[in-house]
Amino acid sequence: CEFKIGIRFIVDFVFEIIWEDKPAGLWQRFLTLIHLNFTTYQITKDELIIKTGFFKQKVNTIELYLLKDPDLTDNIYQRFLNISTLSVRVDTHVHGTPSRTIRLKNIENGSKVRKLLRDAIEADVMERQITYFDKV
């Protein structure tokens, strides 16, 4: 008796990108113009994705439910170009482990992106039914 068992895995990663952009400082705008800006920021319904590099491409993905407190800062140079830096804390949920901060530098319309990210984080937390407890 001969049996052939074939298992086929077809993985189709389809996800909706809510927001996508590249850094937009003066130097980054020039690099984008000549197609040499290789940094891309994306927000999906589940993740924040940061892609960097050309020869060695790095894709950093962070689940949205791990993100806390999106903050916006801009200096005078950034205000002149209508760009900002969005900083968001990554909560590790491990006692005693310090959280790290992710920065999306030189993004256009920073206040709109901050609100969009905040709403996406809240929606992901609600979908996963995660409850946070504050230490007293």
N, C-alpha and C. Protein backbone atom coordinates (compact mmCIF):
# COMPACT_ATOMS: atom_id res chain seq x y z
N CYS A 1 0.84 -1.16 0.00
CA CYS A 1 0.00 0.00 0.00
C CYS A 1 0.89 1.23 0.00
N GLU A 2 0.58 2.10 -0.86
CA GLU A 2 1.37 3.32 -0.98
C GLU A 2 0.45 4.53 -0.77
N PHE A 3 0.84 5.37 0.16
CA PHE A 3 0.06 6.58 0.42
C PHE A 3 0.92 7.79 0.11
N LYS A 4 0.32 8.72 -0.53
CA LYS A 4 1.00 10.00 -0.76
C LYS A 4 0.19 11.06 -0.03
N ILE A 5 0.83 11.66 0.91
CA ILE A 5 0.17 12.71 1.66
C ILE A 5 0.82 14.02 1.25
N GLY A 6 0.03 14.87 0.72
CA GLY A 6 0.53 16.16 0.30
C GLY A 6 -0.14 17.27 1.10
N ILE A 7 0.67 18.05 1.74
CA ILE A 7 0.14 19.19 2.47
C ILE A 7 0.67 20.44 1.80
N ARG A 8 -0.23 21.27 1.44
CA ARG A 8 0.14 22.51 0.79
C ARG A 8 -0.29 23.69 1.63
N PHE A 9 0.64 24.53 1.92
CA PHE A 9 0.33 25.73 2.66
C PHE A 9 0.40 26.91 1.71
N ILE A 10 -0.69 27.56 1.58
CA ILE A 10 -0.70 28.77 0.76
C ILE A 10 -0.97 29.92 1.72
N VAL A 11 0.01 30.74 1.85
CA VAL A 11 -0.09 31.86 2.76
C VAL A 11 -0.21 33.12 1.93
N ASP A 12 -1.28 33.79 2.11
CA ASP A 12 -1.52 35.02 1.37
C ASP A 12 -1.67 36.15 2.38
N PHE A 13 -0.63 36.95 2.50
CA PHE A 13 -0.65 38.04 3.45
C PHE A 13 -1.30 39.25 2.80
N VAL A 14 -2.55 39.43 3.08
CA VAL A 14 -3.27 40.58 2.57
C VAL A 14 -3.66 41.43 3.78
N PHE A 15 -3.17 42.63 3.81
CA PHE A 15 -3.54 43.52 4.89
C PHE A 15 -3.74 44.91 4.33
N GLU A 16 -4.64 45.61 4.94
CA GLU A 16 -4.98 46.94 4.48
C GLU A 16 -4.05 47.95 5.13
N ILE A 17 -3.42 48.74 4.32
CA ILE A 17 -2.55 49.80 4.82
C ILE A 17 -3.41 51.02 5.07
N ILE A 18 -3.48 51.44 6.33
CA ILE A 18 -4.28 52.61 6.71
C ILE A 18 -3.56 53.89 6.34
N TRP A 19 -2.25 53.91 6.54
CA TRP A 19 -1.43 55.09 6.25
C TRP A 19 -0.04 54.63 5.83
N GLU A 20 0.54 55.32 4.87
CA GLU A 20 1.89 55.03 4.42
C GLU A 20 2.54 56.32 3.96
N ASP A 21 3.80 56.50 4.34
CA ASP A 21 4.52 57.69 3.90
C ASP A 21 6.01 57.47 4.09
N LYS A 22 6.77 58.42 3.58
CA LYS A 22 8.22 58.44 3.72
C LYS A 22 8.60 59.69 4.50
N PRO A 23 9.77 59.70 5.15
CA PRO A 23 10.22 60.94 5.80
C PRO A 23 10.28 62.07 4.78
N ALA A 24 9.95 63.29 5.23
CA ALA A 24 9.81 64.40 4.29
C ALA A 24 10.62 65.63 4.69
N GLY A 25 11.80 65.43 5.28
CA GLY A 25 12.69 66.55 5.51
C GLY A 25 13.27 67.01 4.18
N LEU A 26 14.04 68.07 4.16
CA LEU A 26 14.59 68.57 2.89
C LEU A 26 15.43 67.51 2.19
N TRP A 27 16.35 66.87 2.95
CA TRP A 27 17.20 65.85 2.35
C TRP A 27 16.38 64.65 1.89
N GLN A 28 15.40 64.22 2.70
CA GLN A 28 14.56 63.08 2.33
C GLN A 28 13.69 63.39 1.11
N ARG A 29 13.24 64.63 0.99
CA ARG A 29 12.45 65.01 -0.19
C ARG A 29 13.30 64.92 -1.46
N PHE A 30 14.55 65.34 -1.35
CA PHE A 30 15.46 65.23 -2.49
C PHE A 30 15.69 63.76 -2.84
N LEU A 31 15.94 62.94 -1.83
CA LEU A 31 16.15 61.51 -2.07
C LEU A 31 14.92 60.85 -2.68
N THR A 32 13.73 61.26 -2.23
CA THR A 32 12.49 60.72 -2.79
C THR A 32 12.36 61.13 -4.25
N LEU A 33 12.72 62.36 -4.55
CA LEU A 33 12.64 62.88 -5.91
C LEU A 33 13.49 62.05 -6.88
N ILE A 34 14.65 61.62 -6.40
CA ILE A 34 15.53 60.81 -7.27
C ILE A 34 15.41 59.31 -6.97
N HIS A 35 14.34 58.94 -6.27
CA HIS A 35 14.01 57.54 -5.97
C HIS A 35 15.08 56.83 -5.14
N LEU A 36 15.66 57.55 -4.18
CA LEU A 36 16.67 56.95 -3.31
C LEU A 36 16.31 57.05 -1.83
N ASN A 37 15.06 57.36 -1.51
CA ASN A 37 14.60 57.37 -0.12
C ASN A 37 14.02 56.00 0.18
N PHE A 38 14.74 55.19 0.95
CA PHE A 38 14.35 53.81 1.16
C PHE A 38 13.70 53.57 2.53
N THR A 39 13.31 54.63 3.21
CA THR A 39 12.61 54.49 4.48
C THR A 39 11.13 54.69 4.24
N THR A 40 10.32 53.75 4.74
CA THR A 40 8.88 53.83 4.58
C THR A 40 8.23 53.52 5.92
N TYR A 41 7.23 54.32 6.28
CA TYR A 41 6.43 54.08 7.48
C TYR A 41 5.05 53.63 7.03
N GLN A 42 4.50 52.60 7.70
CA GLN A 42 3.15 52.12 7.39
C GLN A 42 2.40 51.83 8.68
N ILE A 43 1.10 52.10 8.65
CA ILE A 43 0.21 51.70 9.73
C ILE A 43 -0.86 50.82 9.10
N THR A 44 -1.00 49.59 9.62
CA THR A 44 -2.09 48.71 9.21
C THR A 44 -3.05 48.60 10.39
N LYS A 45 -4.06 47.79 10.26
CA LYS A 45 -5.01 47.67 11.38
C LYS A 45 -4.41 46.92 12.56
N ASP A 46 -3.29 46.20 12.36
CA ASP A 46 -2.67 45.42 13.42
C ASP A 46 -1.25 45.85 13.80
N GLU A 47 -0.54 46.52 12.88
CA GLU A 47 0.89 46.75 13.09
C GLU A 47 1.34 48.14 12.64
N LEU A 48 2.44 48.57 13.25
CA LEU A 48 3.21 49.70 12.77
C LEU A 48 4.45 49.09 12.12
N ILE A 49 4.70 49.44 10.87
CA ILE A 49 5.79 48.84 10.10
C ILE A 49 6.76 49.94 9.68
N ILE A 50 8.04 49.72 9.95
CA ILE A 50 9.09 50.67 9.55
C ILE A 50 10.07 49.90 8.69
N LYS A 51 10.17 50.29 7.42
CA LYS A 51 11.10 49.65 6.49
C LYS A 51 12.24 50.60 6.22
N THR A 52 13.47 50.10 6.33
CA THR A 52 14.65 50.93 6.09
C THR A 52 15.68 50.14 5.28
N GLY A 53 16.57 50.85 4.63
CA GLY A 53 17.72 50.23 3.98
C GLY A 53 17.53 49.93 2.52
N PHE A 54 18.65 49.82 1.82
CA PHE A 54 18.66 49.46 0.41
C PHE A 54 19.42 48.15 0.22
N PHE A 55 20.72 48.14 0.55
CA PHE A 55 21.51 46.92 0.40
C PHE A 55 21.10 45.88 1.43
N LYS A 56 20.84 46.33 2.63
CA LYS A 56 20.38 45.45 3.69
C LYS A 56 19.06 46.02 4.21
N GLN A 57 17.97 45.51 3.69
CA GLN A 57 16.67 46.04 4.08
C GLN A 57 16.24 45.45 5.41
N LYS A 58 15.74 46.32 6.27
CA LYS A 58 15.26 45.91 7.59
C LYS A 58 13.79 46.30 7.68
N VAL A 59 12.97 45.36 8.12
CA VAL A 59 11.55 45.62 8.33
C VAL A 59 11.27 45.41 9.81
N ASN A 60 10.91 46.48 10.50
CA ASN A 60 10.61 46.44 11.92
C ASN A 60 9.10 46.54 12.07
N THR A 61 8.47 45.49 12.62
CA THR A 61 7.02 45.51 12.83
C THR A 61 6.73 45.45 14.32
N ILE A 62 5.80 46.29 14.73
CA ILE A 62 5.38 46.34 16.13
C ILE A 62 3.87 46.22 16.16
N GLU A 63 3.37 45.28 16.96
CA GLU A 63 1.93 45.12 17.11
C GLU A 63 1.35 46.38 17.75
N LEU A 64 0.22 46.84 17.25
CA LEU A 64 -0.36 48.10 17.73
C LEU A 64 -0.75 48.04 19.21
N TYR A 65 -1.21 46.89 19.69
CA TYR A 65 -1.65 46.83 21.08
C TYR A 65 -0.49 47.03 22.06
N LEU A 66 0.76 46.93 21.59
CA LEU A 66 1.93 47.17 22.44
C LEU A 66 2.31 48.64 22.52
N LEU A 67 1.71 49.47 21.68
CA LEU A 67 2.09 50.88 21.60
C LEU A 67 1.29 51.72 22.59
N LYS A 68 1.96 52.72 23.15
CA LYS A 68 1.34 53.61 24.14
C LYS A 68 1.76 55.05 23.87
N ASP A 69 0.88 55.96 24.22
CA ASP A 69 1.19 57.39 24.29
C ASP A 69 1.88 57.98 23.06
N PRO A 70 1.22 58.01 21.90
CA PRO A 70 1.85 58.68 20.75
C PRO A 70 1.97 60.19 21.02
N ASP A 71 3.18 60.70 20.92
CA ASP A 71 3.45 62.12 21.16
C ASP A 71 4.05 62.74 19.92
N LEU A 72 3.82 64.03 19.76
CA LEU A 72 4.27 64.76 18.59
C LEU A 72 5.21 65.87 19.02
N THR A 73 6.36 65.98 18.36
CA THR A 73 7.27 67.10 18.60
C THR A 73 7.71 67.67 17.25
N ASP A 74 7.98 68.95 17.26
CA ASP A 74 8.53 69.57 16.05
C ASP A 74 9.39 70.76 16.46
N ASN A 75 10.48 70.94 15.75
CA ASN A 75 11.34 72.09 15.98
C ASN A 75 11.00 73.15 14.93
N ILE A 76 11.71 74.24 14.96
CA ILE A 76 11.38 75.34 14.05
C ILE A 76 11.59 74.94 12.59
N TYR A 77 12.62 74.16 12.32
CA TYR A 77 12.87 73.65 10.97
C TYR A 77 11.70 72.80 10.50
N GLN A 78 11.22 71.91 11.38
CA GLN A 78 10.10 71.04 11.02
C GLN A 78 8.80 71.84 10.85
N ARG A 79 8.57 72.83 11.69
CA ARG A 79 7.36 73.65 11.55
C ARG A 79 7.35 74.39 10.22
N PHE A 80 8.52 74.83 9.78
CA PHE A 80 8.65 75.53 8.50
C PHE A 80 8.24 74.62 7.34
N LEU A 81 8.54 73.31 7.44
CA LEU A 81 8.22 72.35 6.38
C LEU A 81 6.91 71.59 6.61
N ASN A 82 6.19 71.92 7.70
CA ASN A 82 4.95 71.22 8.07
C ASN A 82 5.19 69.73 8.28
N ILE A 83 6.28 69.41 9.00
CA ILE A 83 6.58 68.02 9.33
C ILE A 83 6.79 67.92 10.84
N SER A 84 6.74 66.71 11.37
CA SER A 84 6.90 66.49 12.80
C SER A 84 7.58 65.15 13.04
N THR A 85 7.95 64.92 14.30
CA THR A 85 8.44 63.62 14.73
C THR A 85 7.41 63.02 15.66
N LEU A 86 6.96 61.82 15.33
CA LEU A 86 5.97 61.11 16.14
C LEU A 86 6.71 60.08 16.97
N SER A 87 6.61 60.21 18.29
CA SER A 87 7.26 59.27 19.21
C SER A 87 6.18 58.44 19.88
N VAL A 88 6.41 57.13 19.94
CA VAL A 88 5.44 56.24 20.58
C VAL A 88 6.21 55.22 21.41
N ARG A 89 5.72 54.98 22.61
CA ARG A 89 6.37 54.06 23.54
C ARG A 89 5.90 52.64 23.27
N VAL A 90 6.83 51.69 23.26
CA VAL A 90 6.51 50.28 23.08
C VAL A 90 6.51 49.63 24.45
N ASP A 91 5.35 49.14 24.89
CA ASP A 91 5.20 48.52 26.20
C ASP A 91 5.49 47.03 26.08
N THR A 92 6.47 46.54 26.84
CA THR A 92 6.85 45.13 26.74
C THR A 92 5.99 44.23 27.62
N HIS A 93 5.22 44.79 28.54
CA HIS A 93 4.37 44.03 29.47
C HIS A 93 5.16 43.07 30.35
N VAL A 94 6.46 43.34 30.52
CA VAL A 94 7.30 42.52 31.39
C VAL A 94 7.76 43.40 32.54
N HIS A 95 7.49 42.95 33.75
CA HIS A 95 7.85 43.73 34.95
C HIS A 95 9.36 43.92 35.02
N GLY A 96 9.78 45.14 35.21
CA GLY A 96 11.20 45.44 35.35
C GLY A 96 11.92 45.70 34.04
N THR A 97 11.28 45.46 32.92
CA THR A 97 11.91 45.70 31.63
C THR A 97 11.53 47.10 31.14
N PRO A 98 12.51 47.94 30.86
CA PRO A 98 12.17 49.30 30.41
C PRO A 98 11.56 49.28 29.01
N SER A 99 10.63 50.18 28.80
CA SER A 99 10.01 50.27 27.47
C SER A 99 10.93 51.07 26.56
N ARG A 100 10.83 50.83 25.26
CA ARG A 100 11.63 51.58 24.30
C ARG A 100 10.71 52.54 23.54
N THR A 101 11.30 53.48 22.86
CA THR A 101 10.54 54.47 22.12
C THR A 101 10.86 54.36 20.64
N ILE A 102 9.82 54.34 19.83
CA ILE A 102 9.96 54.33 18.37
C ILE A 102 9.68 55.75 17.89
N ARG A 103 10.50 56.23 16.95
CA ARG A 103 10.30 57.58 16.41
C ARG A 103 10.11 57.51 14.89
N LEU A 104 9.03 58.11 14.45
CA LEU A 104 8.79 58.30 13.02
C LEU A 104 9.19 59.75 12.74
N LYS A 105 10.34 59.92 12.10
CA LYS A 105 10.90 61.26 11.94
C LYS A 105 10.43 61.91 10.65
N ASN A 106 10.23 63.22 10.74
CA ASN A 106 9.92 64.07 9.59
C ASN A 106 8.71 63.59 8.79
N ILE A 107 7.60 63.37 9.48
CA ILE A 107 6.38 62.96 8.78
C ILE A 107 5.49 64.18 8.53
N GLU A 108 4.86 64.19 7.39
CA GLU A 108 3.95 65.28 7.04
C GLU A 108 2.63 65.10 7.78
N ASN A 109 1.97 66.22 8.08
CA ASN A 109 0.67 66.22 8.77
C ASN A 109 0.71 65.37 10.02
N GLY A 110 1.67 65.65 10.87
CA GLY A 110 1.91 64.85 12.06
C GLY A 110 0.72 64.73 12.99
N SER A 111 -0.04 65.80 13.18
CA SER A 111 -1.18 65.72 14.10
C SER A 111 -2.24 64.76 13.58
N LYS A 112 -2.46 64.74 12.28
CA LYS A 112 -3.44 63.80 11.70
C LYS A 112 -2.95 62.36 11.83
N VAL A 113 -1.66 62.14 11.60
CA VAL A 113 -1.09 60.79 11.70
C VAL A 113 -1.12 60.32 13.15
N ARG A 114 -0.83 61.23 14.10
CA ARG A 114 -0.88 60.87 15.53
C ARG A 114 -2.28 60.42 15.92
N LYS A 115 -3.29 61.17 15.49
CA LYS A 115 -4.68 60.80 15.80
C LYS A 115 -5.05 59.49 15.13
N LEU A 116 -4.64 59.31 13.88
CA LEU A 116 -4.92 58.06 13.18
C LEU A 116 -4.28 56.87 13.89
N LEU A 117 -3.02 57.03 14.32
CA LEU A 117 -2.33 55.96 15.05
C LEU A 117 -3.00 55.70 16.39
N ARG A 118 -3.36 56.75 17.10
CA ARG A 118 -4.02 56.59 18.40
C ARG A 118 -5.34 55.84 18.25
N ASP A 119 -6.12 56.19 17.24
CA ASP A 119 -7.39 55.50 16.98
C ASP A 119 -7.17 54.05 16.57
N ALA A 120 -6.12 53.79 15.77
CA ALA A 120 -5.82 52.41 15.36
C ALA A 120 -5.37 51.57 16.55
N ILE A 121 -4.59 52.17 17.45
CA ILE A 121 -4.16 51.46 18.67
C ILE A 121 -5.38 51.10 19.51
N GLU A 122 -6.25 52.07 19.72
CA GLU A 122 -7.46 51.84 20.52
C GLU A 122 -8.35 50.77 19.89
N ALA A 123 -8.51 50.80 18.58
CA ALA A 123 -9.33 49.79 17.90
C ALA A 123 -8.73 48.40 18.04
N ASP A 124 -7.39 48.30 17.94
CA ASP A 124 -6.73 47.00 18.08
C ASP A 124 -6.86 46.47 19.50
N VAL A 125 -6.72 47.34 20.49
CA VAL A 125 -6.88 46.93 21.89
C VAL A 125 -8.31 46.45 22.14
N MET A 126 -9.29 47.16 21.61
CA MET A 126 -10.69 46.77 21.78
C MET A 126 -10.98 45.45 21.07
N GLU A 127 -10.44 45.27 19.88
CA GLU A 127 -10.66 44.04 19.12
C GLU A 127 -10.07 42.83 19.84
N ARG A 128 -8.91 43.01 20.46
CA ARG A 128 -8.25 41.93 21.18
C ARG A 128 -8.79 41.77 22.60
N GLN A 129 -9.64 42.69 23.02
CA GLN A 129 -10.24 42.70 24.35
C GLN A 129 -9.17 42.69 25.45
N ILE A 130 -8.22 43.59 25.29
CA ILE A 130 -7.12 43.72 26.25
C ILE A 130 -7.51 44.74 27.31
N THR A 131 -7.22 44.39 28.56
CA THR A 131 -7.47 45.29 29.68
C THR A 131 -6.14 45.61 30.34
N TYR A 132 -5.91 46.88 30.60
CA TYR A 132 -4.68 47.30 31.25
C TYR A 132 -4.98 47.68 32.69
N PHE A 133 -4.06 47.37 33.56
CA PHE A 133 -4.19 47.73 34.96
C PHE A 133 -3.04 48.65 35.33
N ASP A 134 -3.35 49.75 35.99
CA ASP A 134 -2.31 50.66 36.46
C ASP A 134 -1.81 50.23 37.82
N LYS A 135 -0.51 50.34 38.03
CA LYS A 135 0.06 50.03 39.33
C LYS A 135 -0.12 51.24 40.24
N VAL A 136 -0.46 50.96 41.48
CA VAL A 136 -0.66 52.04 42.45
C VAL A 136 0.40 51.97 43.50
